[in-house]
Amino acid sequence: METIINSRFRLGIVAVSFRALDMLFLDDVKVAVDRHRSGDWGIKTPEDIEYNNNAVKFGAEIRSDYQDRNQKHFLVVTDRDRTHTIVLLPDEF
């Protein structure tokens, strides 16, 4: 049975950087991508949350911040035309 995720926008092709694959728990990455697509932006300021909410409406880049189970920080970024989403470490952005 397939899980239905409440998606606020298209993710396009989802990729994970090699460094993120090497350093993060894949299960945590999957959860973060699901949170990102549902509009849970992770660790964000109120201004960043407002930016992402407007980005969904008006077609700008969407950036979310999460931590894996070992508190390793990572990003999920969807491009403005919604054709690609990438998971990467902050120093790769």
PDB file of N, CA and C in Angstrom:
ATOM      1  N   MET A   1       0.835  -1.168   0.000  1.00  0.00           N
ATOM      2  CA  MET A   1       0.000   0.000   0.000  1.00  0.00           C
ATOM      3  C   MET A   1       0.888   1.242   0.000  1.00  0.00           C
ATOM      4  N   GLU A   2       0.579   2.197  -0.848  1.00  0.00           N
ATOM      5  CA  GLU A   2       1.349   3.427  -0.953  1.00  0.00           C
ATOM      6  C   GLU A   2       0.855   4.447   0.065  1.00  0.00           C
ATOM      7  N   THR A   3       1.807   5.138   0.700  1.00  0.00           N
ATOM      8  CA  THR A   3       1.458   6.193   1.644  1.00  0.00           C
ATOM      9  C   THR A   3       1.162   7.471   0.872  1.00  0.00           C
ATOM     10  N   ILE A   4       0.058   8.119   1.177  1.00  0.00           N
ATOM     11  CA  ILE A   4      -0.304   9.389   0.549  1.00  0.00           C
ATOM     12  C   ILE A   4       0.241  10.524   1.413  1.00  0.00           C
ATOM     13  N   ILE A   5       1.036  11.369   0.813  1.00  0.00           N
ATOM     14  CA  ILE A   5       1.622  12.507   1.514  1.00  0.00           C
ATOM     15  C   ILE A   5       0.901  13.769   1.052  1.00  0.00           C
ATOM     16  N   ASN A   6       0.504  14.604   1.995  1.00  0.00           N
ATOM     17  CA  ASN A   6      -0.097  15.885   1.670  1.00  0.00           C
ATOM     18  C   ASN A   6       0.989  16.781   1.092  1.00  0.00           C
ATOM     19  N   SER A   7       0.951  17.013  -0.224  1.00  0.00           N
ATOM     20  CA  SER A   7       1.996  17.768  -0.883  1.00  0.00           C
ATOM     21  C   SER A   7       1.504  19.163  -1.235  1.00  0.00           C
ATOM     22  N   ARG A   8       2.254  20.182  -0.809  1.00  0.00           N
ATOM     23  CA  ARG A   8       1.893  21.569  -1.115  1.00  0.00           C
ATOM     24  C   ARG A   8       2.456  22.014  -2.455  1.00  0.00           C
ATOM     25  N   PHE A   9       3.418  21.247  -3.022  1.00  0.00           N
ATOM     26  CA  PHE A   9       4.050  21.614  -4.284  1.00  0.00           C
ATOM     27  C   PHE A   9       4.760  20.383  -4.848  1.00  0.00           C
ATOM     28  N   ARG A  10       5.135  20.478  -6.121  1.00  0.00           N
ATOM     29  CA  ARG A  10       5.867  19.382  -6.761  1.00  0.00           C
ATOM     30  C   ARG A  10       7.333  19.419  -6.352  1.00  0.00           C
ATOM     31  N   LEU A  11       7.910  18.256  -6.161  1.00  0.00           N
ATOM     32  CA  LEU A  11       9.326  18.157  -5.830  1.00  0.00           C
ATOM     33  C   LEU A  11      10.190  18.018  -7.072  1.00  0.00           C
ATOM     34  N   GLY A  12       9.624  17.499  -8.158  1.00  0.00           N
ATOM     35  CA  GLY A  12      10.440  17.184  -9.326  1.00  0.00           C
ATOM     36  C   GLY A  12      11.324  15.986  -9.016  1.00  0.00           C
ATOM     37  N   ILE A  13      12.468  15.926  -9.659  1.00  0.00           N
ATOM     38  CA  ILE A  13      13.434  14.852  -9.412  1.00  0.00           C
ATOM     39  C   ILE A  13      14.138  15.141  -8.087  1.00  0.00           C
ATOM     40  N   VAL A  14      14.159  14.151  -7.201  1.00  0.00           N
ATOM     41  CA  VAL A  14      14.798  14.318  -5.893  1.00  0.00           C
ATOM     42  C   VAL A  14      16.170  13.655  -5.930  1.00  0.00           C
ATOM     43  N   ALA A  15      17.187  14.416  -5.520  1.00  0.00           N
ATOM     44  CA  ALA A  15      18.560  13.913  -5.483  1.00  0.00           C
ATOM     45  C   ALA A  15      19.153  14.192  -4.110  1.00  0.00           C
ATOM     46  N   VAL A  16      20.141  13.393  -3.754  1.00  0.00           N
ATOM     47  CA  VAL A  16      20.862  13.573  -2.501  1.00  0.00           C
ATOM     48  C   VAL A  16      22.347  13.655  -2.851  1.00  0.00           C
ATOM     49  N   SER A  17      23.026  14.673  -2.341  1.00  0.00           N
ATOM     50  CA  SER A  17      24.453  14.805  -2.639  1.00  0.00           C
ATOM     51  C   SER A  17      25.217  13.597  -2.089  1.00  0.00           C
ATOM     52  N   PHE A  18      26.370  13.322  -2.691  1.00  0.00           N
ATOM     53  CA  PHE A  18      27.180  12.191  -2.236  1.00  0.00           C
ATOM     54  C   PHE A  18      27.601  12.357  -0.780  1.00  0.00           C
ATOM     55  N   ARG A  19      27.970  13.574  -0.404  1.00  0.00           N
ATOM     56  CA  ARG A  19      28.392  13.806   0.987  1.00  0.00           C
ATOM     57  C   ARG A  19      27.233  13.606   1.942  1.00  0.00           C
ATOM     58  N   ALA A  20      26.049  14.092   1.570  1.00  0.00           N
ATOM     59  CA  ALA A  20      24.879  13.890   2.435  1.00  0.00           C
ATOM     60  C   ALA A  20      24.559  12.405   2.556  1.00  0.00           C
ATOM     61  N   LEU A  21      24.639  11.673   1.449  1.00  0.00           N
ATOM     62  CA  LEU A  21      24.405  10.222   1.497  1.00  0.00           C
ATOM     63  C   LEU A  21      25.381   9.542   2.448  1.00  0.00           C
ATOM     64  N   ASP A  22      26.608  10.013   2.443  1.00  0.00           N
ATOM     65  CA  ASP A  22      27.653   9.411   3.256  1.00  0.00           C
ATOM     66  C   ASP A  22      27.498   9.748   4.738  1.00  0.00           C
ATOM     67  N   MET A  23      26.943  10.922   5.062  1.00  0.00           N
ATOM     68  CA  MET A  23      26.951  11.396   6.437  1.00  0.00           C
ATOM     69  C   MET A  23      25.612  11.317   7.169  1.00  0.00           C
ATOM     70  N   LEU A  24      24.511  11.176   6.430  1.00  0.00           N
ATOM     71  CA  LEU A  24      23.181  11.226   7.042  1.00  0.00           C
ATOM     72  C   LEU A  24      22.519   9.854   7.047  1.00  0.00           C
ATOM     73  N   PHE A  25      21.548   9.688   7.915  1.00  0.00           N
ATOM     74  CA  PHE A  25      20.731   8.484   7.922  1.00  0.00           C
ATOM     75  C   PHE A  25      19.651   8.632   6.854  1.00  0.00           C
ATOM     76  N   LEU A  26      19.588   7.689   5.933  1.00  0.00           N
ATOM     77  CA  LEU A  26      18.657   7.769   4.808  1.00  0.00           C
ATOM     78  C   LEU A  26      17.206   7.845   5.272  1.00  0.00           C
ATOM     79  N   ASP A  27      16.851   7.136   6.342  1.00  0.00           N
ATOM     80  CA  ASP A  27      15.479   7.213   6.858  1.00  0.00           C
ATOM     81  C   ASP A  27      15.141   8.639   7.299  1.00  0.00           C
ATOM     82  N   ASP A  28      16.104   9.328   7.905  1.00  0.00           N
ATOM     83  CA  ASP A  28      15.880  10.710   8.332  1.00  0.00           C
ATOM     84  C   ASP A  28      15.729  11.636   7.126  1.00  0.00           C
ATOM     85  N   VAL A  29      16.474  11.361   6.076  1.00  0.00           N
ATOM     86  CA  VAL A  29      16.365  12.144   4.838  1.00  0.00           C
ATOM     87  C   VAL A  29      14.976  11.963   4.233  1.00  0.00           C
ATOM     88  N   LYS A  30      14.490  10.745   4.178  1.00  0.00           N
ATOM     89  CA  LYS A  30      13.154  10.482   3.625  1.00  0.00           C
ATOM     90  C   LYS A  30      12.077  11.219   4.415  1.00  0.00           C
ATOM     91  N   VAL A  31      12.175  11.180   5.734  1.00  0.00           N
ATOM     92  CA  VAL A  31      11.204  11.889   6.577  1.00  0.00           C
ATOM     93  C   VAL A  31      11.275  13.388   6.310  1.00  0.00           C
ATOM     94  N   ALA A  32      12.482  13.924   6.204  1.00  0.00           N
ATOM     95  CA  ALA A  32      12.651  15.360   5.958  1.00  0.00           C
ATOM     96  C   ALA A  32      12.059  15.768   4.614  1.00  0.00           C
ATOM     97  N   VAL A  33      12.257  14.978   3.576  1.00  0.00           N
ATOM     98  CA  VAL A  33      11.685  15.300   2.263  1.00  0.00           C
ATOM     99  C   VAL A  33      10.161  15.291   2.345  1.00  0.00           C
ATOM    100  N   ASP A  34       9.587  14.353   3.056  1.00  0.00           N
ATOM    101  CA  ASP A  34       8.130  14.334   3.238  1.00  0.00           C
ATOM    102  C   ASP A  34       7.661  15.562   4.019  1.00  0.00           C
ATOM    103  N   ARG A  35       8.398  15.947   5.046  1.00  0.00           N
ATOM    104  CA  ARG A  35       8.052  17.152   5.807  1.00  0.00           C
ATOM    105  C   ARG A  35       8.142  18.383   4.914  1.00  0.00           C
ATOM    106  N   HIS A  36       9.200  18.474   4.132  1.00  0.00           N
ATOM    107  CA  HIS A  36       9.416  19.599   3.221  1.00  0.00           C
ATOM    108  C   HIS A  36       8.239  19.738   2.258  1.00  0.00           C
ATOM    109  N   ARG A  37       7.843  18.643   1.621  1.00  0.00           N
ATOM    110  CA  ARG A  37       6.767  18.726   0.625  1.00  0.00           C
ATOM    111  C   ARG A  37       5.410  19.038   1.254  1.00  0.00           C
ATOM    112  N   SER A  38       5.271  18.770   2.555  1.00  0.00           N
ATOM    113  CA  SER A  38       3.993  19.048   3.222  1.00  0.00           C
ATOM    114  C   SER A  38       3.944  20.462   3.820  1.00  0.00           C
ATOM    115  N   GLY A  39       5.078  21.196   3.740  1.00  0.00           N
ATOM    116  CA  GLY A  39       5.090  22.562   4.253  1.00  0.00           C
ATOM    117  C   GLY A  39       5.637  22.706   5.658  1.00  0.00           C
ATOM    118  N   ASP A  40       6.238  21.649   6.206  1.00  0.00           N
ATOM    119  CA  ASP A  40       6.930  21.730   7.493  1.00  0.00           C
ATOM    120  C   ASP A  40       8.382  22.039   7.161  1.00  0.00           C
ATOM    121  N   TRP A  41       8.790  23.290   7.350  1.00  0.00           N
ATOM    122  CA  TRP A  41      10.084  23.767   6.878  1.00  0.00           C
ATOM    123  C   TRP A  41      11.235  23.448   7.823  1.00  0.00           C
ATOM    124  N   GLY A  42      10.960  22.758   8.912  1.00  0.00           N
ATOM    125  CA  GLY A  42      12.030  22.373   9.824  1.00  0.00           C
ATOM    126  C   GLY A  42      12.441  23.506  10.740  1.00  0.00           C
ATOM    127  N   ILE A  43      13.731  23.675  10.914  1.00  0.00           N
ATOM    128  CA  ILE A  43      14.302  24.648  11.847  1.00  0.00           C
ATOM    129  C   ILE A  43      14.416  25.988  11.123  1.00  0.00           C
ATOM    130  N   LYS A  44      13.408  26.845  11.293  1.00  0.00           N
ATOM    131  CA  LYS A  44      13.349  28.115  10.565  1.00  0.00           C
ATOM    132  C   LYS A  44      12.886  29.238  11.484  1.00  0.00           C
ATOM    133  N   THR A  45      13.314  30.452  11.165  1.00  0.00           N
ATOM    134  CA  THR A  45      12.813  31.635  11.852  1.00  0.00           C
ATOM    135  C   THR A  45      11.426  31.955  11.296  1.00  0.00           C
ATOM    136  N   PRO A  46      10.652  32.759  12.008  1.00  0.00           N
ATOM    137  CA  PRO A  46       9.345  33.165  11.457  1.00  0.00           C
ATOM    138  C   PRO A  46       9.474  33.838  10.082  1.00  0.00           C
ATOM    139  N   GLU A  47      10.531  34.613   9.879  1.00  0.00           N
ATOM    140  CA  GLU A  47      10.742  35.256   8.574  1.00  0.00           C
ATOM    141  C   GLU A  47      11.007  34.225   7.479  1.00  0.00           C
ATOM    142  N   ASP A  48      11.797  33.195   7.804  1.00  0.00           N
ATOM    143  CA  ASP A  48      12.077  32.134   6.828  1.00  0.00           C
ATOM    144  C   ASP A  48      10.814  31.338   6.499  1.00  0.00           C
ATOM    145  N   ILE A  49       9.987  31.110   7.501  1.00  0.00           N
ATOM    146  CA  ILE A  49       8.720  30.400   7.276  1.00  0.00           C
ATOM    147  C   ILE A  49       7.840  31.213   6.342  1.00  0.00           C
ATOM    148  N   GLU A  50       7.742  32.508   6.587  1.00  0.00           N
ATOM    149  CA  GLU A  50       6.947  33.373   5.714  1.00  0.00           C
ATOM    150  C   GLU A  50       7.506  33.372   4.291  1.00  0.00           C
ATOM    151  N   TYR A  51       8.844  33.423   4.164  1.00  0.00           N
ATOM    152  CA  TYR A  51       9.472  33.377   2.844  1.00  0.00           C
ATOM    153  C   TYR A  51       9.071  32.099   2.106  1.00  0.00           C
ATOM    154  N   ASN A  52       9.208  30.945   2.776  1.00  0.00           N
ATOM    155  CA  ASN A  52       8.875  29.672   2.124  1.00  0.00           C
ATOM    156  C   ASN A  52       7.395  29.594   1.760  1.00  0.00           C
ATOM    157  N   ASN A  53       6.526  30.052   2.642  1.00  0.00           N
ATOM    158  CA  ASN A  53       5.096  30.036   2.324  1.00  0.00           C
ATOM    159  C   ASN A  53       4.808  30.881   1.089  1.00  0.00           C
ATOM    160  N   ASN A  54       5.454  32.047   0.979  1.00  0.00           N
ATOM    161  CA  ASN A  54       5.292  32.879  -0.214  1.00  0.00           C
ATOM    162  C   ASN A  54       5.953  32.240  -1.432  1.00  0.00           C
ATOM    163  N   ALA A  55       7.070  31.563  -1.227  1.00  0.00           N
ATOM    164  CA  ALA A  55       7.758  30.892  -2.332  1.00  0.00           C
ATOM    165  C   ALA A  55       6.867  29.822  -2.961  1.00  0.00           C
ATOM    166  N   VAL A  56       6.111  29.121  -2.131  1.00  0.00           N
ATOM    167  CA  VAL A  56       5.173  28.124  -2.656  1.00  0.00           C
ATOM    168  C   VAL A  56       4.133  28.804  -3.545  1.00  0.00           C
ATOM    169  N   LYS A  57       3.604  29.926  -3.077  1.00  0.00           N
ATOM    170  CA  LYS A  57       2.555  30.635  -3.825  1.00  0.00           C
ATOM    171  C   LYS A  57       3.062  31.268  -5.106  1.00  0.00           C
ATOM    172  N   PHE A  58       4.267  31.843  -5.055  1.00  0.00           N
ATOM    173  CA  PHE A  58       4.725  32.692  -6.153  1.00  0.00           C
ATOM    174  C   PHE A  58       5.867  32.109  -6.977  1.00  0.00           C
ATOM    175  N   GLY A  59       6.280  30.882  -6.680  1.00  0.00           N
ATOM    176  CA  GLY A  59       7.250  30.208  -7.532  1.00  0.00           C
ATOM    177  C   GLY A  59       8.700  30.562  -7.285  1.00  0.00           C
ATOM    178  N   ALA A  60       9.104  30.755  -6.040  1.00  0.00           N
ATOM    179  CA  ALA A  60      10.512  30.982  -5.706  1.00  0.00           C
ATOM    180  C   ALA A  60      11.112  29.689  -5.146  1.00  0.00           C
ATOM    181  N   GLU A  61      12.428  29.697  -4.967  1.00  0.00           N
ATOM    182  CA  GLU A  61      13.124  28.554  -4.385  1.00  0.00           C
ATOM    183  C   GLU A  61      12.634  28.329  -2.952  1.00  0.00           C
ATOM    184  N   ILE A  62      12.487  27.064  -2.574  1.00  0.00           N
ATOM    185  CA  ILE A  62      12.018  26.686  -1.239  1.00  0.00           C
ATOM    186  C   ILE A  62      13.155  25.966  -0.524  1.00  0.00           C
ATOM    187  N   ARG A  63      13.497  26.456   0.689  1.00  0.00           N
ATOM    188  CA  ARG A  63      14.603  25.881   1.453  1.00  0.00           C
ATOM    189  C   ARG A  63      14.148  25.489   2.844  1.00  0.00           C
ATOM    190  N   SER A  64      14.413  24.246   3.213  1.00  0.00           N
ATOM    191  CA  SER A  64      14.084  23.749   4.548  1.00  0.00           C
ATOM    192  C   SER A  64      15.351  23.270   5.233  1.00  0.00           C
ATOM    193  N   ASP A  65      15.348  23.334   6.557  1.00  0.00           N
ATOM    194  CA  ASP A  65      16.507  22.947   7.369  1.00  0.00           C
ATOM    195  C   ASP A  65      16.075  21.873   8.369  1.00  0.00           C
ATOM    196  N   TYR A  66      16.866  20.811   8.435  1.00  0.00           N
ATOM    197  CA  TYR A  66      16.547  19.704   9.341  1.00  0.00           C
ATOM    198  C   TYR A  66      17.818  19.192  10.005  1.00  0.00           C
ATOM    199  N   GLN A  67      17.632  18.323  10.993  1.00  0.00           N
ATOM    200  CA  GLN A  67      18.735  17.597  11.610  1.00  0.00           C
ATOM    201  C   GLN A  67      18.395  16.119  11.596  1.00  0.00           C
ATOM    202  N   ASP A  68      19.420  15.291  11.394  1.00  0.00           N
ATOM    203  CA  ASP A  68      19.184  13.853  11.481  1.00  0.00           C
ATOM    204  C   ASP A  68      19.269  13.419  12.934  1.00  0.00           C
ATOM    205  N   ARG A  69      19.178  12.138  13.177  1.00  0.00           N
ATOM    206  CA  ARG A  69      19.128  11.625  14.561  1.00  0.00           C
ATOM    207  C   ARG A  69      20.401  11.906  15.355  1.00  0.00           C
ATOM    208  N   ASN A  70      21.498  12.235  14.656  1.00  0.00           N
ATOM    209  CA  ASN A  70      22.742  12.595  15.340  1.00  0.00           C
ATOM    210  C   ASN A  70      22.971  14.109  15.350  1.00  0.00           C
ATOM    211  N   GLN A  71      21.911  14.865  15.106  1.00  0.00           N
ATOM    212  CA  GLN A  71      21.944  16.329  15.086  1.00  0.00           C
ATOM    213  C   GLN A  71      22.824  16.894  13.972  1.00  0.00           C
ATOM    214  N   LYS A  72      23.024  16.119  12.916  1.00  0.00           N
ATOM    215  CA  LYS A  72      23.754  16.609  11.739  1.00  0.00           C
ATOM    216  C   LYS A  72      22.783  17.439  10.904  1.00  0.00           C
ATOM    217  N   HIS A  73      23.129  18.707  10.698  1.00  0.00           N
ATOM    218  CA  HIS A  73      22.278  19.650   9.988  1.00  0.00           C
ATOM    219  C   HIS A  73      22.337  19.396   8.478  1.00  0.00           C
ATOM    220  N   PHE A  74      21.172  19.472   7.806  1.00  0.00           N
ATOM    221  CA  PHE A  74      21.134  19.354   6.354  1.00  0.00           C
ATOM    222  C   PHE A  74      19.972  20.152   5.794  1.00  0.00           C
ATOM    223  N   LEU A  75      20.026  20.402   4.490  1.00  0.00           N
ATOM    224  CA  LEU A  75      19.032  21.210   3.794  1.00  0.00           C
ATOM    225  C   LEU A  75      18.276  20.371   2.779  1.00  0.00           C
ATOM    226  N   VAL A  76      17.042  20.762   2.537  1.00  0.00           N
ATOM    227  CA  VAL A  76      16.253  20.254   1.417  1.00  0.00           C
ATOM    228  C   VAL A  76      15.847  21.492   0.621  1.00  0.00           C
ATOM    229  N   VAL A  77      16.223  21.533  -0.661  1.00  0.00           N
ATOM    230  CA  VAL A  77      16.000  22.718  -1.490  1.00  0.00           C
ATOM    231  C   VAL A  77      15.276  22.308  -2.767  1.00  0.00           C
ATOM    232  N   THR A  78      14.147  22.971  -3.035  1.00  0.00           N
ATOM    233  CA  THR A  78      13.407  22.760  -4.283  1.00  0.00           C
ATOM    234  C   THR A  78      13.567  24.011  -5.132  1.00  0.00           C
ATOM    235  N   ASP A  79      13.943  23.813  -6.403  1.00  0.00           N
ATOM    236  CA  ASP A  79      14.176  24.961  -7.272  1.00  0.00           C
ATOM    237  C   ASP A  79      12.865  25.646  -7.647  1.00  0.00           C
ATOM    238  N   ARG A  80      12.990  26.838  -8.171  1.00  0.00           N
ATOM    239  CA  ARG A  80      11.816  27.676  -8.408  1.00  0.00           C
ATOM    240  C   ARG A  80      10.852  27.096  -9.430  1.00  0.00           C
ATOM    241  N   ASP A  81      11.347  26.334 -10.408  1.00  0.00           N
ATOM    242  CA  ASP A  81      10.424  25.772 -11.401  1.00  0.00           C
ATOM    243  C   ASP A  81       9.915  24.382 -11.012  1.00  0.00           C
ATOM    244  N   ARG A  82      10.282  23.930  -9.809  1.00  0.00           N
ATOM    245  CA  ARG A  82       9.783  22.677  -9.224  1.00  0.00           C
ATOM    246  C   ARG A  82      10.166  21.435 -10.037  1.00  0.00           C
ATOM    247  N   THR A  83      11.311  21.507 -10.728  1.00  0.00           N
ATOM    248  CA  THR A  83      11.770  20.343 -11.482  1.00  0.00           C
ATOM    249  C   THR A  83      12.785  19.509 -10.719  1.00  0.00           C
ATOM    250  N   HIS A  84      13.408  20.095  -9.676  1.00  0.00           N
ATOM    251  CA  HIS A  84      14.432  19.379  -8.917  1.00  0.00           C
ATOM    252  C   HIS A  84      14.366  19.761  -7.439  1.00  0.00           C
ATOM    253  N   THR A  85      14.616  18.769  -6.617  1.00  0.00           N
ATOM    254  CA  THR A  85      14.804  18.973  -5.176  1.00  0.00           C
ATOM    255  C   THR A  85      16.087  18.261  -4.811  1.00  0.00           C
ATOM    256  N   ILE A  86      16.923  18.924  -4.019  1.00  0.00           N
ATOM    257  CA  ILE A  86      18.187  18.303  -3.610  1.00  0.00           C
ATOM    258  C   ILE A  86      18.327  18.345  -2.091  1.00  0.00           C
ATOM    259  N   VAL A  87      18.890  17.279  -1.554  1.00  0.00           N
ATOM    260  CA  VAL A  87      19.241  17.197  -0.146  1.00  0.00           C
ATOM    261  C   VAL A  87      20.749  17.343  -0.077  1.00  0.00           C
ATOM    262  N   LEU A  88      21.214  18.283   0.745  1.00  0.00           N
ATOM    263  CA  LEU A  88      22.649  18.529   0.829  1.00  0.00           C
ATOM    264  C   LEU A  88      23.023  19.081   2.187  1.00  0.00           C
ATOM    265  N   LEU A  89      24.314  19.098   2.450  1.00  0.00           N
ATOM    266  CA  LEU A  89      24.827  19.660   3.679  1.00  0.00           C
ATOM    267  C   LEU A  89      24.972  21.167   3.507  1.00  0.00           C
ATOM    268  N   PRO A  90      24.898  21.934   4.595  1.00  0.00           N
ATOM    269  CA  PRO A  90      24.925  23.395   4.477  1.00  0.00           C
ATOM    270  C   PRO A  90      26.142  23.941   3.725  1.00  0.00           C
ATOM    271  N   ASP A  91      27.314  23.332   3.902  1.00  0.00           N
ATOM    272  CA  ASP A  91      28.503  23.851   3.220  1.00  0.00           C
ATOM    273  C   ASP A  91      28.531  23.489   1.731  1.00  0.00           C
ATOM    274  N   GLU A  92      27.558  22.718   1.276  1.00  0.00           N
ATOM    275  CA  GLU A  92      27.457  22.400  -0.157  1.00  0.00           C
ATOM    276  C   GLU A  92      26.509  23.356  -0.879  1.00  0.00           C
ATOM    277  N   PHE A  93      25.797  24.182  -0.128  1.00  0.00           N
ATOM    278  CA  PHE A  93      24.794  25.073  -0.727  1.00  0.00           C
ATOM    279  C   PHE A  93      25.456  26.291  -1.323  1.00  0.00           C
TER     280      PHE A  93
END
